[in-house]
């Protein structure tokens, strides 16, 4: 192969690698819509978020499960020892009872990895609140 042909090939391959990473990061706007439909009945997030039927989710990533102030968690959640990393939260969104057996959360989970990534992208926009 000629050296001139290597540059476009390298650019094409590099672009493919970076676009895959961007897709894996999720779409926060799509995640916001999904959050409203799927999670918003119990959880709130954002500037005026407060605990309701479920705890608010501001700053959830990095937090120890069962520790949000002014919310009555199940013993299973309080004693789980789970720290909500992005990966752990993704697993929980997919199958809550597999991550915290005995959780009171009534949610069957989401099996679509793209939807989970979108939700996580949305949730991550509220980490500083």
N, C-alpha and C. Protein backbone atom coordinates (compact mmCIF):
# COMPACT_ATOMS: atom_id res chain seq x y z
N UNK A 1 0.84 -1.17 0.00
CA UNK A 1 0.00 0.00 0.00
C UNK A 1 0.89 1.23 0.00
N UNK A 2 0.49 2.24 -0.75
CA UNK A 2 1.26 3.47 -0.85
C UNK A 2 1.10 4.29 0.42
N UNK A 3 2.17 5.02 0.81
CA UNK A 3 2.09 5.84 2.02
C UNK A 3 0.95 6.86 1.97
N UNK A 4 0.63 7.39 0.78
CA UNK A 4 -0.45 8.37 0.67
C UNK A 4 -1.81 7.74 1.03
N UNK A 5 -1.95 6.46 0.79
CA UNK A 5 -3.20 5.78 1.09
C UNK A 5 -3.33 5.44 2.58
N UNK A 6 -2.23 5.42 3.30
CA UNK A 6 -2.27 5.07 4.71
C UNK A 6 -2.93 6.16 5.56
N UNK A 7 -2.71 7.43 5.22
CA UNK A 7 -3.27 8.51 6.01
C UNK A 7 -4.80 8.48 6.02
N UNK A 8 -5.47 8.41 4.87
CA UNK A 8 -6.94 8.32 4.92
C UNK A 8 -7.43 7.08 5.67
N UNK A 9 -6.73 5.97 5.52
CA UNK A 9 -7.12 4.75 6.22
C UNK A 9 -6.99 4.95 7.73
N UNK A 10 -5.89 5.54 8.16
CA UNK A 10 -5.67 5.80 9.59
C UNK A 10 -6.74 6.75 10.13
N UNK A 11 -7.07 7.80 9.38
CA UNK A 11 -8.11 8.73 9.82
C UNK A 11 -9.47 8.04 9.92
N UNK A 12 -9.77 7.20 8.96
CA UNK A 12 -11.03 6.47 8.97
C UNK A 12 -11.13 5.56 10.20
N UNK A 13 -10.07 4.82 10.47
CA UNK A 13 -10.08 3.91 11.61
C UNK A 13 -10.15 4.67 12.93
N UNK A 14 -9.43 5.77 13.02
CA UNK A 14 -9.44 6.59 14.24
C UNK A 14 -10.83 7.18 14.46
N UNK A 15 -11.45 7.68 13.41
CA UNK A 15 -12.79 8.24 13.53
C UNK A 15 -13.77 7.18 14.01
N UNK A 16 -13.61 5.97 13.52
CA UNK A 16 -14.47 4.87 13.95
C UNK A 16 -14.32 4.57 15.43
N UNK A 17 -13.11 4.63 15.92
CA UNK A 17 -12.87 4.37 17.34
C UNK A 17 -13.51 5.44 18.21
N UNK A 18 -13.34 6.71 17.81
CA UNK A 18 -13.88 7.79 18.62
C UNK A 18 -15.40 7.85 18.54
N UNK A 19 -15.98 7.57 17.41
CA UNK A 19 -17.43 7.62 17.31
C UNK A 19 -18.06 6.51 18.14
N UNK A 20 -17.42 5.37 18.25
CA UNK A 20 -17.94 4.29 19.09
C UNK A 20 -17.96 4.73 20.55
N UNK A 21 -16.92 5.42 21.00
CA UNK A 21 -16.88 5.91 22.37
C UNK A 21 -17.97 6.92 22.64
N UNK A 22 -18.23 7.78 21.66
CA UNK A 22 -19.27 8.78 21.83
C UNK A 22 -20.63 8.11 21.95
N UNK A 23 -20.87 7.08 21.17
CA UNK A 23 -22.15 6.39 21.23
C UNK A 23 -22.32 5.69 22.58
N UNK A 24 -21.23 5.17 23.12
CA UNK A 24 -21.28 4.47 24.39
C UNK A 24 -21.58 5.43 25.54
N UNK A 25 -21.27 6.72 25.35
CA UNK A 25 -21.49 7.70 26.41
C UNK A 25 -22.97 7.98 26.61
N UNK A 26 -23.79 7.69 25.63
CA UNK A 26 -25.23 7.89 25.77
C UNK A 26 -25.67 9.28 25.35
N UNK A 27 -26.95 9.42 25.18
CA UNK A 27 -27.60 10.65 24.75
C UNK A 27 -28.41 11.18 25.93
N UNK A 28 -27.91 12.24 26.56
CA UNK A 28 -28.56 12.76 27.76
C UNK A 28 -29.98 13.26 27.47
N UNK A 29 -30.20 13.82 26.30
CA UNK A 29 -31.54 14.31 25.97
C UNK A 29 -32.54 13.14 25.88
N UNK A 30 -32.13 12.09 25.19
CA UNK A 30 -32.99 10.90 25.11
C UNK A 30 -33.16 10.29 26.50
N UNK A 31 -32.09 10.30 27.29
CA UNK A 31 -32.17 9.79 28.65
C UNK A 31 -33.13 10.58 29.51
N UNK A 32 -33.20 11.89 29.30
CA UNK A 32 -34.13 12.73 30.05
C UNK A 32 -35.58 12.37 29.76
N UNK A 33 -35.87 12.11 28.49
CA UNK A 33 -37.22 11.71 28.11
C UNK A 33 -37.57 10.35 28.72
N UNK A 34 -36.61 9.44 28.66
CA UNK A 34 -36.82 8.11 29.23
C UNK A 34 -36.96 8.19 30.75
N UNK A 35 -36.16 9.03 31.39
CA UNK A 35 -36.25 9.21 32.84
C UNK A 35 -37.65 9.67 33.23
N UNK A 36 -38.17 10.66 32.50
CA UNK A 36 -39.50 11.19 32.81
C UNK A 36 -40.55 10.09 32.72
N UNK A 37 -40.48 9.27 31.69
CA UNK A 37 -41.48 8.21 31.49
C UNK A 37 -41.28 7.02 32.41
N UNK A 38 -40.04 6.65 32.66
CA UNK A 38 -39.76 5.40 33.36
C UNK A 38 -39.45 5.58 34.84
N UNK A 39 -38.74 6.63 35.19
CA UNK A 39 -38.25 6.80 36.56
C UNK A 39 -38.94 7.93 37.31
N UNK A 40 -39.43 8.92 36.55
CA UNK A 40 -39.94 10.15 37.14
C UNK A 40 -41.16 10.02 38.03
N UNK A 41 -41.87 8.91 37.94
CA UNK A 41 -43.01 8.72 38.83
C UNK A 41 -42.60 8.55 40.28
N UNK A 42 -41.39 8.07 40.51
CA UNK A 42 -40.91 7.81 41.87
C UNK A 42 -39.70 8.66 42.25
N UNK A 43 -38.85 8.96 41.28
CA UNK A 43 -37.60 9.68 41.55
C UNK A 43 -37.63 11.07 40.92
N UNK A 44 -36.96 12.00 41.57
CA UNK A 44 -36.77 13.32 40.96
C UNK A 44 -35.28 13.59 40.86
N UNK A 45 -34.96 14.51 39.98
CA UNK A 45 -33.57 14.87 39.74
C UNK A 45 -33.55 16.30 39.22
N UNK A 46 -32.52 17.02 39.53
CA UNK A 46 -32.42 18.40 39.05
C UNK A 46 -32.44 19.39 40.19
N UNK A 47 -32.56 20.65 39.82
CA UNK A 47 -32.44 21.75 40.78
C UNK A 47 -33.42 21.65 41.94
N UNK A 48 -34.65 21.29 41.69
CA UNK A 48 -35.67 21.24 42.75
C UNK A 48 -35.97 19.82 43.21
N UNK A 49 -35.05 18.90 42.98
CA UNK A 49 -35.28 17.50 43.33
C UNK A 49 -35.42 17.31 44.83
N UNK A 50 -36.33 16.43 45.18
CA UNK A 50 -36.48 16.05 46.59
C UNK A 50 -36.94 14.61 46.65
N UNK A 51 -36.82 14.04 47.81
CA UNK A 51 -37.25 12.67 47.99
C UNK A 51 -38.77 12.59 47.90
N UNK A 52 -39.24 11.50 47.32
CA UNK A 52 -40.67 11.26 47.21
C UNK A 52 -40.91 9.80 47.49
N UNK A 53 -41.59 9.12 46.57
CA UNK A 53 -41.78 7.69 46.71
C UNK A 53 -40.43 6.98 46.64
N UNK A 54 -39.50 7.55 45.87
CA UNK A 54 -38.12 7.08 45.80
C UNK A 54 -37.20 8.23 46.14
N UNK A 55 -35.93 7.97 46.43
CA UNK A 55 -35.01 9.07 46.75
C UNK A 55 -34.68 9.89 45.51
N UNK A 56 -34.31 11.17 45.73
CA UNK A 56 -33.85 11.98 44.61
C UNK A 56 -32.52 11.39 44.13
N UNK A 57 -32.17 11.67 42.89
CA UNK A 57 -30.98 11.05 42.30
C UNK A 57 -29.88 12.04 41.97
N UNK A 58 -29.95 13.25 42.48
CA UNK A 58 -28.85 14.20 42.29
C UNK A 58 -27.59 13.64 42.94
N UNK A 59 -26.49 13.66 42.21
CA UNK A 59 -25.21 13.23 42.77
C UNK A 59 -25.15 11.77 43.17
N UNK A 60 -25.98 10.93 42.56
CA UNK A 60 -26.04 9.53 42.98
C UNK A 60 -24.76 8.77 42.66
N UNK A 61 -24.11 9.09 41.56
CA UNK A 61 -22.89 8.35 41.20
C UNK A 61 -21.77 8.72 42.16
N UNK A 62 -21.23 7.70 42.81
CA UNK A 62 -20.20 7.89 43.82
C UNK A 62 -20.75 7.81 45.24
N UNK A 63 -22.07 7.80 45.39
CA UNK A 63 -22.70 7.78 46.71
C UNK A 63 -22.87 6.34 47.20
N UNK A 64 -22.77 6.14 48.48
CA UNK A 64 -23.05 4.85 49.11
C UNK A 64 -24.56 4.65 49.12
N UNK A 65 -25.02 3.50 48.68
CA UNK A 65 -26.45 3.21 48.62
C UNK A 65 -27.09 3.33 49.99
N UNK A 66 -28.30 3.85 50.01
CA UNK A 66 -29.07 3.94 51.25
C UNK A 66 -28.66 5.07 52.16
N UNK A 67 -28.00 6.10 51.63
CA UNK A 67 -27.49 7.16 52.49
C UNK A 67 -28.02 8.56 52.18
N UNK A 68 -28.90 8.70 51.22
CA UNK A 68 -29.45 10.02 50.92
C UNK A 68 -30.27 10.48 52.13
N UNK A 69 -30.03 11.69 52.59
CA UNK A 69 -30.71 12.21 53.78
C UNK A 69 -32.22 12.25 53.59
N UNK A 70 -32.94 12.07 54.66
CA UNK A 70 -34.39 12.21 54.70
C UNK A 70 -35.14 11.23 53.80
N UNK A 71 -34.60 10.04 53.61
CA UNK A 71 -35.34 9.02 52.87
C UNK A 71 -35.28 7.73 53.66
N UNK A 72 -36.39 7.02 53.74
CA UNK A 72 -36.47 5.76 54.47
C UNK A 72 -36.18 4.60 53.52
N UNK A 73 -34.95 4.15 53.53
CA UNK A 73 -34.53 3.04 52.68
C UNK A 73 -34.89 1.70 53.32
N UNK A 74 -34.99 0.68 52.49
CA UNK A 74 -35.16 -0.68 53.00
C UNK A 74 -33.87 -1.09 53.69
N UNK A 75 -33.98 -2.05 54.59
CA UNK A 75 -32.78 -2.57 55.24
C UNK A 75 -31.82 -3.15 54.21
N UNK A 76 -32.38 -3.79 53.18
CA UNK A 76 -31.54 -4.38 52.13
C UNK A 76 -30.68 -3.32 51.47
N UNK A 77 -31.25 -2.15 51.18
CA UNK A 77 -30.49 -1.09 50.52
C UNK A 77 -29.47 -0.49 51.50
N UNK A 78 -29.90 -0.23 52.72
CA UNK A 78 -28.99 0.37 53.71
C UNK A 78 -27.80 -0.53 54.02
N UNK A 79 -28.02 -1.83 53.99
CA UNK A 79 -26.97 -2.78 54.35
C UNK A 79 -26.26 -3.39 53.14
N UNK A 80 -26.54 -2.90 51.95
CA UNK A 80 -26.00 -3.52 50.73
C UNK A 80 -24.50 -3.29 50.57
N UNK A 81 -23.99 -2.18 51.08
CA UNK A 81 -22.57 -1.85 50.88
C UNK A 81 -22.26 -1.39 49.46
N UNK A 82 -23.29 -1.19 48.65
CA UNK A 82 -23.10 -0.79 47.25
C UNK A 82 -22.72 0.68 47.18
N UNK A 83 -21.70 0.95 46.39
CA UNK A 83 -21.37 2.33 46.02
C UNK A 83 -21.81 2.47 44.57
N UNK A 84 -22.58 3.50 44.30
CA UNK A 84 -23.16 3.68 42.97
C UNK A 84 -22.14 4.21 41.98
N UNK A 85 -21.34 3.31 41.45
CA UNK A 85 -20.47 3.65 40.32
C UNK A 85 -21.36 3.63 39.08
N UNK A 86 -20.85 4.11 37.99
CA UNK A 86 -21.61 4.09 36.74
C UNK A 86 -21.94 2.64 36.36
N UNK A 87 -20.99 1.75 36.51
CA UNK A 87 -21.19 0.35 36.16
C UNK A 87 -22.22 -0.32 37.07
N UNK A 88 -22.14 -0.03 38.36
CA UNK A 88 -23.08 -0.63 39.32
C UNK A 88 -24.49 -0.09 39.09
N UNK A 89 -24.59 1.20 38.79
CA UNK A 89 -25.90 1.78 38.50
C UNK A 89 -26.48 1.20 37.21
N UNK A 90 -25.64 0.97 36.21
CA UNK A 90 -26.10 0.35 34.97
C UNK A 90 -26.65 -1.05 35.25
N UNK A 91 -25.95 -1.81 36.06
CA UNK A 91 -26.40 -3.15 36.42
C UNK A 91 -27.72 -3.09 37.19
N UNK A 92 -27.86 -2.10 38.05
CA UNK A 92 -29.08 -1.93 38.84
C UNK A 92 -30.26 -1.55 37.95
N UNK A 93 -30.03 -0.66 37.00
CA UNK A 93 -31.10 -0.28 36.08
C UNK A 93 -31.54 -1.50 35.26
N UNK A 94 -30.59 -2.35 34.93
CA UNK A 94 -30.91 -3.54 34.15
C UNK A 94 -31.69 -4.57 34.98
N UNK A 95 -31.28 -4.80 36.21
CA UNK A 95 -31.91 -5.83 37.05
C UNK A 95 -31.73 -5.47 38.52
N UNK A 96 -32.60 -4.60 39.06
CA UNK A 96 -32.42 -4.10 40.44
C UNK A 96 -32.25 -5.19 41.49
N UNK A 97 -33.06 -6.22 41.43
CA UNK A 97 -33.02 -7.24 42.48
C UNK A 97 -31.78 -8.14 42.41
N UNK A 98 -31.09 -8.13 41.27
CA UNK A 98 -29.83 -8.87 41.17
C UNK A 98 -28.70 -8.10 41.85
N UNK A 99 -28.82 -6.78 41.90
CA UNK A 99 -27.77 -5.96 42.52
C UNK A 99 -28.03 -5.79 44.01
N UNK A 100 -29.29 -5.53 44.38
CA UNK A 100 -29.65 -5.40 45.79
C UNK A 100 -30.85 -6.30 46.04
N UNK A 101 -30.57 -7.51 46.45
CA UNK A 101 -31.63 -8.47 46.75
C UNK A 101 -32.43 -7.95 47.95
N UNK A 102 -33.73 -7.89 47.78
CA UNK A 102 -34.58 -7.41 48.86
C UNK A 102 -34.93 -5.94 48.75
N UNK A 103 -34.51 -5.28 47.68
CA UNK A 103 -34.87 -3.88 47.50
C UNK A 103 -36.38 -3.75 47.39
N UNK A 104 -36.92 -2.64 47.89
CA UNK A 104 -38.35 -2.39 47.78
C UNK A 104 -38.72 -1.78 46.43
N UNK A 105 -37.74 -1.40 45.65
CA UNK A 105 -38.03 -0.74 44.39
C UNK A 105 -38.81 -1.68 43.48
N UNK A 106 -39.95 -1.19 43.02
CA UNK A 106 -40.82 -1.98 42.14
C UNK A 106 -40.51 -1.56 40.71
N UNK A 107 -39.57 -2.25 40.12
CA UNK A 107 -39.11 -1.93 38.77
C UNK A 107 -38.48 -3.19 38.20
N UNK A 108 -38.93 -3.60 37.03
CA UNK A 108 -38.44 -4.84 36.44
C UNK A 108 -37.09 -4.70 35.79
N UNK A 109 -36.70 -3.48 35.43
CA UNK A 109 -35.41 -3.27 34.79
C UNK A 109 -35.55 -2.94 33.32
N UNK A 110 -34.46 -2.53 32.75
CA UNK A 110 -34.38 -2.18 31.33
C UNK A 110 -33.29 -3.04 30.72
N UNK A 111 -33.62 -3.78 29.68
CA UNK A 111 -32.63 -4.68 29.08
C UNK A 111 -31.86 -4.05 27.93
N UNK A 112 -32.32 -2.93 27.40
CA UNK A 112 -31.69 -2.29 26.25
C UNK A 112 -30.47 -1.47 26.69
N UNK A 113 -29.25 -1.90 26.32
CA UNK A 113 -28.04 -1.19 26.75
C UNK A 113 -28.00 0.27 26.31
N UNK A 114 -28.57 0.58 25.15
CA UNK A 114 -28.58 1.97 24.67
C UNK A 114 -29.45 2.84 25.58
N UNK A 115 -30.59 2.33 25.99
CA UNK A 115 -31.46 3.08 26.90
C UNK A 115 -30.78 3.28 28.25
N UNK A 116 -30.09 2.27 28.72
CA UNK A 116 -29.37 2.39 30.00
C UNK A 116 -28.30 3.47 29.88
N UNK A 117 -27.54 3.45 28.80
CA UNK A 117 -26.50 4.47 28.59
C UNK A 117 -27.10 5.86 28.51
N UNK A 118 -28.26 5.99 27.87
CA UNK A 118 -28.92 7.28 27.78
C UNK A 118 -29.36 7.77 29.15
N UNK A 119 -29.93 6.88 29.95
CA UNK A 119 -30.32 7.25 31.32
C UNK A 119 -29.11 7.69 32.13
N UNK A 120 -28.03 6.94 32.03
CA UNK A 120 -26.82 7.29 32.78
C UNK A 120 -26.26 8.64 32.33
N UNK A 121 -26.28 8.90 31.04
CA UNK A 121 -25.81 10.20 30.54
C UNK A 121 -26.64 11.33 31.13
N UNK A 122 -27.95 11.12 31.22
CA UNK A 122 -28.84 12.12 31.80
C UNK A 122 -28.56 12.30 33.30
N UNK A 123 -28.48 11.20 34.02
CA UNK A 123 -28.22 11.25 35.46
C UNK A 123 -26.89 11.94 35.75
N UNK A 124 -25.89 11.68 34.92
CA UNK A 124 -24.57 12.30 35.12
C UNK A 124 -24.60 13.81 34.99
N UNK A 125 -25.58 14.37 34.29
CA UNK A 125 -25.65 15.83 34.16
C UNK A 125 -26.02 16.49 35.48
N UNK A 126 -26.45 15.70 36.47
CA UNK A 126 -26.85 16.25 37.77
C UNK A 126 -25.91 15.83 38.90
N UNK A 127 -24.67 15.50 38.55
CA UNK A 127 -23.71 15.07 39.56
C UNK A 127 -23.32 16.18 40.52
N UNK A 128 -23.31 17.41 40.06
CA UNK A 128 -22.88 18.52 40.92
C UNK A 128 -23.97 19.10 41.79
N UNK A 129 -25.16 18.54 41.72
CA UNK A 129 -26.28 19.12 42.49
C UNK A 129 -26.54 18.36 43.76
